[in-house]
Amino acid sequence: MEQKNEAIKHAVERILAMRPSKTDPYGSYTGRPVDPKEKPVQDADDL
C-alpha cells in the first residue's frame, strides 16, 4: 500500500509541475492558464 501511495504522490507532483499549455492559453481544458492567478472559465462548448 505504501508503494502505491508513493506512486500516486509522484504522479500528482508531476502533474502539478507541468507548465501551462500553449494550445490552451486560457486553461479552460487543462485547468492551467498561462497566468496562474487567472481562474479558468468553462462555458457550454467545453462540456
C-alpha atoms as a PDB file:
ATOM      1  CA  MET A   1       0.000   0.000   0.000  1.00  0.00           C
ATOM      2  CA  GLU A   2       2.820   2.422   0.827  1.00  0.00           C
ATOM      3  CA  GLN A   3       4.408   1.818  -2.581  1.00  0.00           C
ATOM      4  CA  LYS A   4       1.103   2.652  -4.280  1.00  0.00           C
ATOM      5  CA  ASN A   5       0.781   5.867  -2.236  1.00  0.00           C
ATOM      6  CA  GLU A   6       4.316   6.892  -3.252  1.00  0.00           C
ATOM      7  CA  ALA A   7       3.498   6.271  -6.925  1.00  0.00           C
ATOM      8  CA  ILE A   8       0.360   8.398  -6.629  1.00  0.00           C
ATOM      9  CA  LYS A   9       2.287  11.145  -4.848  1.00  0.00           C
ATOM     10  CA  HIS A  10       4.908  11.268  -7.607  1.00  0.00           C
ATOM     11  CA  ALA A  11       2.223  11.300 -10.325  1.00  0.00           C
ATOM     12  CA  VAL A  12       0.463  14.235  -8.652  1.00  0.00           C
ATOM     13  CA  GLU A  13       3.753  16.114  -8.267  1.00  0.00           C
ATOM     14  CA  ARG A  14       4.499  15.652 -11.997  1.00  0.00           C
ATOM     15  CA  ILE A  15       1.050  16.939 -12.938  1.00  0.00           C
ATOM     16  CA  LEU A  16       1.335  19.982 -10.665  1.00  0.00           C
ATOM     17  CA  ALA A  17       4.778  20.797 -12.074  1.00  0.00           C
ATOM     18  CA  MET A  18       3.502  20.858 -15.664  1.00  0.00           C
ATOM     19  CA  ARG A  19       3.675  24.160 -17.484  1.00  0.00           C
ATOM     20  CA  PRO A  20       0.573  25.740 -18.991  1.00  0.00           C
ATOM     21  CA  SER A  21      -0.281  24.544 -22.498  1.00  0.00           C
ATOM     22  CA  LYS A  22       0.467  26.849 -25.439  1.00  0.00           C
ATOM     23  CA  THR A  23      -2.602  25.437 -27.184  1.00  0.00           C
ATOM     24  CA  ASP A  24      -4.852  26.124 -24.173  1.00  0.00           C
ATOM     25  CA  PRO A  25      -3.748  29.610 -23.018  1.00  0.00           C
ATOM     26  CA  TYR A  26      -6.939  30.297 -21.063  1.00  0.00           C
ATOM     27  CA  GLY A  27      -6.805  26.966 -19.260  1.00  0.00           C
ATOM     28  CA  SER A  28     -10.424  26.063 -19.994  1.00  0.00           C
ATOM     29  CA  TYR A  29      -9.476  22.495 -20.917  1.00  0.00           C
ATOM     30  CA  THR A  30      -6.382  21.762 -18.827  1.00  0.00           C
ATOM     31  CA  GLY A  31      -7.204  23.984 -15.853  1.00  0.00           C
ATOM     32  CA  ARG A  32      -3.726  25.527 -16.104  1.00  0.00           C
ATOM     33  CA  PRO A  33      -3.976  29.040 -17.577  1.00  0.00           C
ATOM     34  CA  VAL A  34      -0.851  30.928 -18.664  1.00  0.00           C
ATOM     35  CA  ASP A  35      -1.488  33.468 -15.876  1.00  0.00           C
ATOM     36  CA  PRO A  36      -1.580  31.335 -12.701  1.00  0.00           C
ATOM     37  CA  LYS A  37      -3.720  33.954 -10.926  1.00  0.00           C
ATOM     38  CA  GLU A  38      -6.437  33.645 -13.590  1.00  0.00           C
ATOM     39  CA  LYS A  39      -9.227  31.188 -12.865  1.00  0.00           C
ATOM     40  CA  PRO A  40     -10.231  29.030 -15.865  1.00  0.00           C
ATOM     41  CA  VAL A  41     -13.784  29.529 -17.102  1.00  0.00           C
ATOM     42  CA  GLN A  42     -15.801  26.665 -18.518  1.00  0.00           C
ATOM     43  CA  ASP A  43     -18.529  27.531 -20.978  1.00  0.00           C
ATOM     44  CA  ALA A  44     -21.172  25.466 -22.770  1.00  0.00           C
ATOM     45  CA  ASP A  45     -18.925  24.193 -25.565  1.00  0.00           C
ATOM     46  CA  ASP A  46     -16.430  22.797 -23.023  1.00  0.00           C
ATOM     47  CA  LEU A  47     -18.982  20.367 -21.652  1.00  0.00           C
END
